[in-house]
Amino acid sequence: VLAAGDLCAICQEKMHTPILLQCKHIFCEDCASEWLERERTCPLCRALVKPGDIRSFSDGSTTLFFQLF
């Protein structure tokens, strides 16, 4: 059984390529990318998300998708 912290709040599956938003919520990169194509807010707390606010959870670098965002 996975701990709740291991699951993406969007897809409810184990995190794949996790990213960290400025509000400290973590999602799969693919899930967040799809969400942010439609919305400019965090899926959980609705905080405004700006391209520079998104970081790869593993190493702190900005992903290519969000550099182009």
PDB file of N, CA and C in Angstrom:
ATOM      1  N   VAL A   1       0.854  -1.182   0.000  1.00  0.00           N
ATOM      2  CA  VAL A   1       0.000   0.000   0.000  1.00  0.00           C
ATOM      3  C   VAL A   1       0.894   1.238   0.000  1.00  0.00           C
ATOM      4  N   LEU A   2       0.591   2.187  -0.887  1.00  0.00           N
ATOM      5  CA  LEU A   2       1.354   3.422  -0.977  1.00  0.00           C
ATOM      6  C   LEU A   2       0.868   4.425   0.058  1.00  0.00           C
ATOM      7  N   ALA A   3       1.790   5.218   0.575  1.00  0.00           N
ATOM      8  CA  ALA A   3       1.406   6.300   1.473  1.00  0.00           C
ATOM      9  C   ALA A   3       0.742   7.398   0.650  1.00  0.00           C
ATOM     10  N   ALA A   4      -0.127   8.157   1.275  1.00  0.00           N
ATOM     11  CA  ALA A   4      -0.842   9.219   0.553  1.00  0.00           C
ATOM     12  C   ALA A   4       0.122  10.193  -0.106  1.00  0.00           C
ATOM     13  N   GLY A   5       1.282  10.431   0.497  1.00  0.00           N
ATOM     14  CA  GLY A   5       2.270  11.348  -0.059  1.00  0.00           C
ATOM     15  C   GLY A   5       2.927  10.838  -1.320  1.00  0.00           C
ATOM     16  N   ASP A   6       2.764   9.555  -1.630  1.00  0.00           N
ATOM     17  CA  ASP A   6       3.340   8.973  -2.839  1.00  0.00           C
ATOM     18  C   ASP A   6       2.395   9.061  -4.029  1.00  0.00           C
ATOM     19  N   LEU A   7       1.169   9.510  -3.803  1.00  0.00           N
ATOM     20  CA  LEU A   7       0.160   9.541  -4.858  1.00  0.00           C
ATOM     21  C   LEU A   7      -0.038  10.953  -5.393  1.00  0.00           C
ATOM     22  N   CYS A   8      -0.210  11.052  -6.688  1.00  0.00           N
ATOM     23  CA  CYS A   8      -0.543  12.323  -7.333  1.00  0.00           C
ATOM     24  C   CYS A   8      -2.007  12.634  -7.026  1.00  0.00           C
ATOM     25  N   ALA A   9      -2.291  13.840  -6.588  1.00  0.00           N
ATOM     26  CA  ALA A   9      -3.667  14.224  -6.258  1.00  0.00           C
ATOM     27  C   ALA A   9      -4.551  14.335  -7.495  1.00  0.00           C
ATOM     28  N   ILE A  10      -3.949  14.434  -8.670  1.00  0.00           N
ATOM     29  CA  ILE A  10      -4.738  14.547  -9.899  1.00  0.00           C
ATOM     30  C   ILE A  10      -5.132  13.166 -10.415  1.00  0.00           C
ATOM     31  N   CYS A  11      -4.142  12.286 -10.631  1.00  0.00           N
ATOM     32  CA  CYS A  11      -4.439  10.968 -11.217  1.00  0.00           C
ATOM     33  C   CYS A  11      -4.651   9.877 -10.171  1.00  0.00           C
ATOM     34  N   GLN A  12      -4.294  10.158  -8.909  1.00  0.00           N
ATOM     35  CA  GLN A  12      -4.427   9.200  -7.810  1.00  0.00           C
ATOM     36  C   GLN A  12      -3.579   7.952  -8.010  1.00  0.00           C
ATOM     37  N   GLU A  13      -2.466   8.096  -8.737  1.00  0.00           N
ATOM     38  CA  GLU A  13      -1.529   7.002  -8.937  1.00  0.00           C
ATOM     39  C   GLU A  13      -0.166   7.411  -8.396  1.00  0.00           C
ATOM     40  N   LYS A  14       0.755   6.456  -8.351  1.00  0.00           N
ATOM     41  CA  LYS A  14       2.104   6.743  -7.877  1.00  0.00           C
ATOM     42  C   LYS A  14       2.724   7.851  -8.722  1.00  0.00           C
ATOM     43  N   MET A  15       3.407   8.796  -8.056  1.00  0.00           N
ATOM     44  CA  MET A  15       4.019   9.942  -8.737  1.00  0.00           C
ATOM     45  C   MET A  15       4.986   9.488  -9.817  1.00  0.00           C
ATOM     46  N   HIS A  16       4.883  10.121 -10.980  1.00  0.00           N
ATOM     47  CA  HIS A  16       5.816   9.896 -12.077  1.00  0.00           C
ATOM     48  C   HIS A  16       6.377  11.257 -12.474  1.00  0.00           C
ATOM     49  N   THR A  17       7.681  11.423 -12.375  1.00  0.00           N
ATOM     50  CA  THR A  17       8.363  12.693 -12.641  1.00  0.00           C
ATOM     51  C   THR A  17       7.683  13.828 -11.860  1.00  0.00           C
ATOM     52  N   PRO A  18       7.758  13.784 -10.537  1.00  0.00           N
ATOM     53  CA  PRO A  18       7.057  14.781  -9.725  1.00  0.00           C
ATOM     54  C   PRO A  18       7.606  16.198  -9.897  1.00  0.00           C
ATOM     55  N   ILE A  19       6.702  17.174  -9.864  1.00  0.00           N
ATOM     56  CA  ILE A  19       7.084  18.582  -9.871  1.00  0.00           C
ATOM     57  C   ILE A  19       6.479  19.256  -8.648  1.00  0.00           C
ATOM     58  N   LEU A  20       7.129  20.315  -8.213  1.00  0.00           N
ATOM     59  CA  LEU A  20       6.737  21.045  -7.013  1.00  0.00           C
ATOM     60  C   LEU A  20       6.280  22.445  -7.409  1.00  0.00           C
ATOM     61  N   LEU A  21       5.090  22.828  -7.006  1.00  0.00           N
ATOM     62  CA  LEU A  21       4.596  24.180  -7.247  1.00  0.00           C
ATOM     63  C   LEU A  21       5.042  25.089  -6.109  1.00  0.00           C
ATOM     64  N   GLN A  22       4.962  26.394  -6.312  1.00  0.00           N
ATOM     65  CA  GLN A  22       5.354  27.369  -5.293  1.00  0.00           C
ATOM     66  C   GLN A  22       4.572  27.161  -3.995  1.00  0.00           C
ATOM     67  N   CYS A  23       3.336  26.705  -4.096  1.00  0.00           N
ATOM     68  CA  CYS A  23       2.487  26.477  -2.919  1.00  0.00           C
ATOM     69  C   CYS A  23       2.868  25.199  -2.165  1.00  0.00           C
ATOM     70  N   LYS A  24       3.881  24.488  -2.682  1.00  0.00           N
ATOM     71  CA  LYS A  24       4.430  23.267  -2.065  1.00  0.00           C
ATOM     72  C   LYS A  24       3.629  22.002  -2.364  1.00  0.00           C
ATOM     73  N   HIS A  25       2.665  22.062  -3.261  1.00  0.00           N
ATOM     74  CA  HIS A  25       1.955  20.853  -3.679  1.00  0.00           C
ATOM     75  C   HIS A  25       2.736  20.177  -4.793  1.00  0.00           C
ATOM     76  N   ILE A  26       2.717  18.853  -4.794  1.00  0.00           N
ATOM     77  CA  ILE A  26       3.500  18.051  -5.737  1.00  0.00           C
ATOM     78  C   ILE A  26       2.551  17.212  -6.587  1.00  0.00           C
ATOM     79  N   PHE A  27       2.826  17.166  -7.894  1.00  0.00           N
ATOM     80  CA  PHE A  27       2.011  16.403  -8.841  1.00  0.00           C
ATOM     81  C   PHE A  27       2.919  15.746  -9.867  1.00  0.00           C
ATOM     82  N   CYS A  28       2.396  14.762 -10.589  1.00  0.00           N
ATOM     83  CA  CYS A  28       3.111  14.210 -11.742  1.00  0.00           C
ATOM     84  C   CYS A  28       3.279  15.339 -12.760  1.00  0.00           C
ATOM     85  N   GLU A  29       4.410  15.364 -13.435  1.00  0.00           N
ATOM     86  CA  GLU A  29       4.628  16.412 -14.430  1.00  0.00           C
ATOM     87  C   GLU A  29       3.569  16.376 -15.533  1.00  0.00           C
ATOM     88  N   ASP A  30       3.241  15.180 -16.032  1.00  0.00           N
ATOM     89  CA  ASP A  30       2.243  15.073 -17.100  1.00  0.00           C
ATOM     90  C   ASP A  30       0.867  15.549 -16.635  1.00  0.00           C
ATOM     91  N   CYS A  31       0.491  15.179 -15.426  1.00  0.00           N
ATOM     92  CA  CYS A  31      -0.807  15.605 -14.888  1.00  0.00           C
ATOM     93  C   CYS A  31      -0.857  17.126 -14.732  1.00  0.00           C
ATOM     94  N   ALA A  32       0.198  17.688 -14.157  1.00  0.00           N
ATOM     95  CA  ALA A  32       0.243  19.135 -13.953  1.00  0.00           C
ATOM     96  C   ALA A  32       0.257  19.868 -15.288  1.00  0.00           C
ATOM     97  N   SER A  33       0.984  19.343 -16.262  1.00  0.00           N
ATOM     98  CA  SER A  33       1.040  19.976 -17.586  1.00  0.00           C
ATOM     99  C   SER A  33      -0.345  20.041 -18.210  1.00  0.00           C
ATOM    100  N   GLU A  34      -1.061  18.929 -18.137  1.00  0.00           N
ATOM    101  CA  GLU A  34      -2.416  18.886 -18.697  1.00  0.00           C
ATOM    102  C   GLU A  34      -3.339  19.863 -17.972  1.00  0.00           C
ATOM    103  N   TRP A  35      -3.251  19.883 -16.639  1.00  0.00           N
ATOM    104  CA  TRP A  35      -4.077  20.795 -15.844  1.00  0.00           C
ATOM    105  C   TRP A  35      -3.763  22.252 -16.194  1.00  0.00           C
ATOM    106  N   LEU A  36      -2.469  22.585 -16.278  1.00  0.00           N
ATOM    107  CA  LEU A  36      -2.062  23.971 -16.491  1.00  0.00           C
ATOM    108  C   LEU A  36      -2.294  24.461 -17.921  1.00  0.00           C
ATOM    109  N   GLU A  37      -2.617  23.560 -18.823  1.00  0.00           N
ATOM    110  CA  GLU A  37      -3.040  23.990 -20.159  1.00  0.00           C
ATOM    111  C   GLU A  37      -4.411  24.661 -20.092  1.00  0.00           C
ATOM    112  N   ARG A  38      -5.202  24.287 -19.087  1.00  0.00           N
ATOM    113  CA  ARG A  38      -6.560  24.820 -18.943  1.00  0.00           C
ATOM    114  C   ARG A  38      -6.677  25.856 -17.830  1.00  0.00           C
ATOM    115  N   GLU A  39      -5.934  25.658 -16.770  1.00  0.00           N
ATOM    116  CA  GLU A  39      -6.032  26.506 -15.577  1.00  0.00           C
ATOM    117  C   GLU A  39      -4.663  27.093 -15.244  1.00  0.00           C
ATOM    118  N   ARG A  40      -4.636  28.189 -14.529  1.00  0.00           N
ATOM    119  CA  ARG A  40      -3.377  28.795 -14.084  1.00  0.00           C
ATOM    120  C   ARG A  40      -3.283  28.788 -12.557  1.00  0.00           C
ATOM    121  N   THR A  41      -3.920  27.775 -11.962  1.00  0.00           N
ATOM    122  CA  THR A  41      -3.942  27.666 -10.510  1.00  0.00           C
ATOM    123  C   THR A  41      -3.577  26.249 -10.081  1.00  0.00           C
ATOM    124  N   CYS A  42      -3.174  26.115  -8.832  1.00  0.00           N
ATOM    125  CA  CYS A  42      -2.891  24.800  -8.259  1.00  0.00           C
ATOM    126  C   CYS A  42      -4.192  23.997  -8.204  1.00  0.00           C
ATOM    127  N   PRO A  43      -4.158  22.727  -8.600  1.00  0.00           N
ATOM    128  CA  PRO A  43      -5.372  21.902  -8.546  1.00  0.00           C
ATOM    129  C   PRO A  43      -5.928  21.702  -7.135  1.00  0.00           C
ATOM    130  N   LEU A  44      -5.094  21.842  -6.113  1.00  0.00           N
ATOM    131  CA  LEU A  44      -5.565  21.623  -4.741  1.00  0.00           C
ATOM    132  C   LEU A  44      -5.993  22.901  -4.037  1.00  0.00           C
ATOM    133  N   CYS A  45      -5.120  23.906  -4.016  1.00  0.00           N
ATOM    134  CA  CYS A  45      -5.415  25.101  -3.216  1.00  0.00           C
ATOM    135  C   CYS A  45      -5.819  26.309  -4.057  1.00  0.00           C
ATOM    136  N   ARG A  46      -5.744  26.173  -5.374  1.00  0.00           N
ATOM    137  CA  ARG A  46      -6.121  27.236  -6.319  1.00  0.00           C
ATOM    138  C   ARG A  46      -5.207  28.459  -6.260  1.00  0.00           C
ATOM    139  N   ALA A  47      -4.014  28.319  -5.681  1.00  0.00           N
ATOM    140  CA  ALA A  47      -3.039  29.416  -5.699  1.00  0.00           C
ATOM    141  C   ALA A  47      -2.612  29.661  -7.142  1.00  0.00           C
ATOM    142  N   LEU A  48      -2.396  30.917  -7.503  1.00  0.00           N
ATOM    143  CA  LEU A  48      -1.957  31.275  -8.841  1.00  0.00           C
ATOM    144  C   LEU A  48      -0.605  30.628  -9.127  1.00  0.00           C
ATOM    145  N   VAL A  49      -0.465  30.031 -10.306  1.00  0.00           N
ATOM    146  CA  VAL A  49       0.778  29.375 -10.705  1.00  0.00           C
ATOM    147  C   VAL A  49       1.381  30.150 -11.866  1.00  0.00           C
ATOM    148  N   LYS A  50       2.621  30.625 -11.675  1.00  0.00           N
ATOM    149  CA  LYS A  50       3.361  31.300 -12.734  1.00  0.00           C
ATOM    150  C   LYS A  50       4.452  30.350 -13.214  1.00  0.00           C
ATOM    151  N   PRO A  51       4.865  30.429 -14.480  1.00  0.00           N
ATOM    152  CA  PRO A  51       5.857  29.487 -15.024  1.00  0.00           C
ATOM    153  C   PRO A  51       7.113  29.337 -14.167  1.00  0.00           C
ATOM    154  N   GLY A  52       7.641  30.405 -13.613  1.00  0.00           N
ATOM    155  CA  GLY A  52       8.846  30.321 -12.796  1.00  0.00           C
ATOM    156  C   GLY A  52       8.635  29.681 -11.435  1.00  0.00           C
ATOM    157  N   ASP A  53       7.383  29.443 -11.060  1.00  0.00           N
ATOM    158  CA  ASP A  53       7.058  28.869  -9.750  1.00  0.00           C
ATOM    159  C   ASP A  53       7.121  27.351  -9.730  1.00  0.00           C
ATOM    160  N   ILE A  54       7.384  26.726 -10.876  1.00  0.00           N
ATOM    161  CA  ILE A  54       7.303  25.274 -10.992  1.00  0.00           C
ATOM    162  C   ILE A  54       8.699  24.676 -11.052  1.00  0.00           C
ATOM    163  N   ARG A  55       8.968  23.714 -10.193  1.00  0.00           N
ATOM    164  CA  ARG A  55      10.289  23.086 -10.108  1.00  0.00           C
ATOM    165  C   ARG A  55      10.164  21.570 -10.152  1.00  0.00           C
ATOM    166  N   SER A  56      11.189  20.949 -10.708  1.00  0.00           N
ATOM    167  CA  SER A  56      11.275  19.496 -10.633  1.00  0.00           C
ATOM    168  C   SER A  56      11.488  19.141  -9.174  1.00  0.00           C
ATOM    169  N   PHE A  57      10.725  18.214  -8.662  1.00  0.00           N
ATOM    170  CA  PHE A  57      10.843  17.848  -7.252  1.00  0.00           C
ATOM    171  C   PHE A  57      12.155  17.145  -6.960  1.00  0.00           C
ATOM    172  N   SER A  58      12.720  16.464  -7.947  1.00  0.00           N
ATOM    173  CA  SER A  58      13.919  15.666  -7.704  1.00  0.00           C
ATOM    174  C   SER A  58      15.179  16.505  -7.557  1.00  0.00           C
ATOM    175  N   ASP A  59      15.354  17.559  -8.392  1.00  0.00           N
ATOM    176  CA  ASP A  59      16.624  18.287  -8.328  1.00  0.00           C
ATOM    177  C   ASP A  59      16.478  19.804  -8.242  1.00  0.00           C
ATOM    178  N   GLY A  60      15.260  20.315  -8.218  1.00  0.00           N
ATOM    179  CA  GLY A  60      15.055  21.745  -8.068  1.00  0.00           C
ATOM    180  C   GLY A  60      15.151  22.542  -9.351  1.00  0.00           C
ATOM    181  N   SER A  61      15.432  21.907 -10.473  1.00  0.00           N
ATOM    182  CA  SER A  61      15.542  22.639 -11.734  1.00  0.00           C
ATOM    183  C   SER A  61      14.170  22.799 -12.373  1.00  0.00           C
ATOM    184  N   THR A  62      14.036  23.812 -13.192  1.00  0.00           N
ATOM    185  CA  THR A  62      12.793  24.028 -13.922  1.00  0.00           C
ATOM    186  C   THR A  62      12.745  23.089 -15.112  1.00  0.00           C
ATOM    187  N   THR A  63      11.606  22.490 -15.359  1.00  0.00           N
ATOM    188  CA  THR A  63      11.485  21.573 -16.488  1.00  0.00           C
ATOM    189  C   THR A  63      11.370  22.350 -17.787  1.00  0.00           C
ATOM    190  N   LEU A  64      11.712  21.723 -18.906  1.00  0.00           N
ATOM    191  CA  LEU A  64      11.660  22.365 -20.212  1.00  0.00           C
ATOM    192  C   LEU A  64      10.245  22.823 -20.539  1.00  0.00           C
ATOM    193  N   PHE A  65       9.246  22.000 -20.265  1.00  0.00           N
ATOM    194  CA  PHE A  65       7.866  22.369 -20.577  1.00  0.00           C
ATOM    195  C   PHE A  65       7.509  23.708 -19.962  1.00  0.00           C
ATOM    196  N   PHE A  66       7.877  23.910 -18.722  1.00  0.00           N
ATOM    197  CA  PHE A  66       7.476  25.125 -18.041  1.00  0.00           C
ATOM    198  C   PHE A  66       8.374  26.306 -18.382  1.00  0.00           C
ATOM    199  N   GLN A  67       9.559  26.062 -18.927  1.00  0.00           N
ATOM    200  CA  GLN A  67      10.365  27.166 -19.429  1.00  0.00           C
ATOM    201  C   GLN A  67       9.705  27.754 -20.664  1.00  0.00           C
ATOM    202  N   LEU A  68       9.041  26.914 -21.458  1.00  0.00           N
ATOM    203  CA  LEU A  68       8.379  27.355 -22.676  1.00  0.00           C
ATOM    204  C   LEU A  68       6.964  27.835 -22.423  1.00  0.00           C
ATOM    205  N   PHE A  69       6.423  27.538 -21.279  1.00  0.00           N
ATOM    206  CA  PHE A  69       5.040  27.784 -20.885  1.00  0.00           C
ATOM    207  C   PHE A  69       4.624  29.213 -21.087  1.00  0.00           C
TER     208      PHE A  69
END
